[in-house]
Amino acid sequence: MYAVKAIYDGNHFKLKEPIPINEKYEVIITFINPIEKQQDEILQFFNTWDEDDANCIKEIINERSNFSMGRAQA
């Protein structure tokens, strides 16, 4: 089984990494978390940044999306 990250824009899937195979495969598509509008605007620039910059932004987005996990809601 292979897993490849992608972004779905409502119409198309944009792969975030190359697919490691060249054969026909049965696939399962799993939608994990919706992307907030602000994150979507940032993600459109990923192809213009180098890998270190993109990873830094991904880390910030992940930290912010997990910020309230485990905390009691008011």
C-alpha atoms as a PDB file:
ATOM      1  CA  MET A   1       0.000   0.000   0.000  1.00  0.00           C
ATOM      2  CA  TYR A   2       1.276   3.471  -0.885  1.00  0.00           C
ATOM      3  CA  ALA A   3       0.055   6.803   0.490  1.00  0.00           C
ATOM      4  CA  VAL A   4       0.497  10.055  -1.415  1.00  0.00           C
ATOM      5  CA  LYS A   5      -0.538  13.446  -0.047  1.00  0.00           C
ATOM      6  CA  ALA A   6      -2.680  15.716  -2.208  1.00  0.00           C
ATOM      7  CA  ILE A   7      -4.939  18.755  -2.009  1.00  0.00           C
ATOM      8  CA  TYR A   8      -8.470  18.550  -3.390  1.00  0.00           C
ATOM      9  CA  ASP A   9      -9.783  21.934  -4.574  1.00  0.00           C
ATOM     10  CA  GLY A  10     -13.363  20.792  -5.062  1.00  0.00           C
ATOM     11  CA  ASN A  11     -12.732  19.648  -8.638  1.00  0.00           C
ATOM     12  CA  HIS A  12      -9.197  18.292  -8.960  1.00  0.00           C
ATOM     13  CA  PHE A  13      -6.517  16.622  -6.893  1.00  0.00           C
ATOM     14  CA  LYS A  14      -3.120  18.347  -6.793  1.00  0.00           C
ATOM     15  CA  LEU A  15      -0.432  15.896  -5.733  1.00  0.00           C
ATOM     16  CA  LYS A  16       2.013  17.218  -3.145  1.00  0.00           C
ATOM     17  CA  GLU A  17       4.586  14.516  -3.930  1.00  0.00           C
ATOM     18  CA  PRO A  18       5.375  12.172  -6.813  1.00  0.00           C
ATOM     19  CA  ILE A  19       3.565   8.856  -7.162  1.00  0.00           C
ATOM     20  CA  PRO A  20       6.063   6.021  -6.510  1.00  0.00           C
ATOM     21  CA  ILE A  21       4.516   3.584  -9.020  1.00  0.00           C
ATOM     22  CA  ASN A  22       3.883   3.399 -12.770  1.00  0.00           C
ATOM     23  CA  GLU A  23       1.244   0.663 -12.910  1.00  0.00           C
ATOM     24  CA  LYS A  24      -2.534   0.649 -12.678  1.00  0.00           C
ATOM     25  CA  TYR A  25      -3.674   0.499  -9.064  1.00  0.00           C
ATOM     26  CA  GLU A  26      -6.934   0.411  -7.221  1.00  0.00           C
ATOM     27  CA  VAL A  27      -7.074   3.462  -4.933  1.00  0.00           C
ATOM     28  CA  ILE A  28      -8.992   4.655  -1.909  1.00  0.00           C
ATOM     29  CA  ILE A  29      -9.352   8.403  -1.493  1.00  0.00           C
ATOM     30  CA  THR A  30      -9.675   9.592   2.105  1.00  0.00           C
ATOM     31  CA  PHE A  31     -10.606  13.155   2.959  1.00  0.00           C
ATOM     32  CA  ILE A  32      -8.830  14.007   6.216  1.00  0.00           C
ATOM     33  CA  ASN A  33      -9.336  17.671   7.171  1.00  0.00           C
ATOM     34  CA  PRO A  34     -10.864  20.639   5.375  1.00  0.00           C
ATOM     35  CA  ILE A  35      -8.429  23.407   4.513  1.00  0.00           C
ATOM     36  CA  GLU A  36      -9.372  26.790   5.868  1.00  0.00           C
ATOM     37  CA  LYS A  37      -9.547  29.653   3.370  1.00  0.00           C
ATOM     38  CA  GLN A  38      -6.397  31.270   4.772  1.00  0.00           C
ATOM     39  CA  GLN A  39      -4.460  28.001   4.500  1.00  0.00           C
ATOM     40  CA  ASP A  40      -5.713  27.500   0.950  1.00  0.00           C
ATOM     41  CA  GLU A  41      -4.367  30.930  -0.037  1.00  0.00           C
ATOM     42  CA  ILE A  42      -0.959  30.072   1.426  1.00  0.00           C
ATOM     43  CA  LEU A  43      -0.825  26.605  -0.176  1.00  0.00           C
ATOM     44  CA  GLN A  44      -1.148  28.012  -3.691  1.00  0.00           C
ATOM     45  CA  PHE A  45       2.416  29.389  -3.352  1.00  0.00           C
ATOM     46  CA  PHE A  46       4.032  26.035  -2.429  1.00  0.00           C
ATOM     47  CA  ASN A  47       5.446  25.520  -5.917  1.00  0.00           C
ATOM     48  CA  THR A  48       7.284  28.845  -5.762  1.00  0.00           C
ATOM     49  CA  TRP A  49       9.035  28.214  -2.423  1.00  0.00           C
ATOM     50  CA  ASP A  50      11.925  25.894  -1.787  1.00  0.00           C
ATOM     51  CA  GLU A  51      11.307  22.735   0.239  1.00  0.00           C
ATOM     52  CA  ASP A  52      12.575  24.183   3.550  1.00  0.00           C
ATOM     53  CA  ASP A  53      10.230  27.176   3.299  1.00  0.00           C
ATOM     54  CA  ALA A  54       7.273  24.953   2.389  1.00  0.00           C
ATOM     55  CA  ASN A  55       8.004  22.607   5.307  1.00  0.00           C
ATOM     56  CA  CYS A  56       8.194  25.549   7.698  1.00  0.00           C
ATOM     57  CA  ILE A  57       4.788  26.809   6.561  1.00  0.00           C
ATOM     58  CA  LYS A  58       3.314  23.289   6.828  1.00  0.00           C
ATOM     59  CA  GLU A  59       4.578  23.028  10.410  1.00  0.00           C
ATOM     60  CA  ILE A  60       2.981  26.360  11.328  1.00  0.00           C
ATOM     61  CA  ILE A  61      -0.330  25.329   9.759  1.00  0.00           C
ATOM     62  CA  ASN A  62      -0.259  21.988  11.602  1.00  0.00           C
ATOM     63  CA  GLU A  63       0.575  23.644  14.930  1.00  0.00           C
ATOM     64  CA  ARG A  64      -2.295  26.077  14.529  1.00  0.00           C
ATOM     65  CA  SER A  65      -4.774  23.403  13.460  1.00  0.00           C
ATOM     66  CA  ASN A  66      -3.843  21.274  16.512  1.00  0.00           C
ATOM     67  CA  PHE A  67      -3.650  24.200  18.922  1.00  0.00           C
ATOM     68  CA  SER A  68      -6.920  23.494  20.714  1.00  0.00           C
ATOM     69  CA  MET A  69      -6.717  19.680  20.610  1.00  0.00           C
ATOM     70  CA  GLY A  70      -7.077  18.279  24.111  1.00  0.00           C
ATOM     71  CA  ARG A  71      -8.152  21.601  25.586  1.00  0.00           C
ATOM     72  CA  ALA A  72     -11.541  22.058  27.197  1.00  0.00           C
ATOM     73  CA  GLN A  73     -13.880  24.163  25.107  1.00  0.00           C
ATOM     74  CA  ALA A  74     -15.549  27.152  26.733  1.00  0.00           C
END
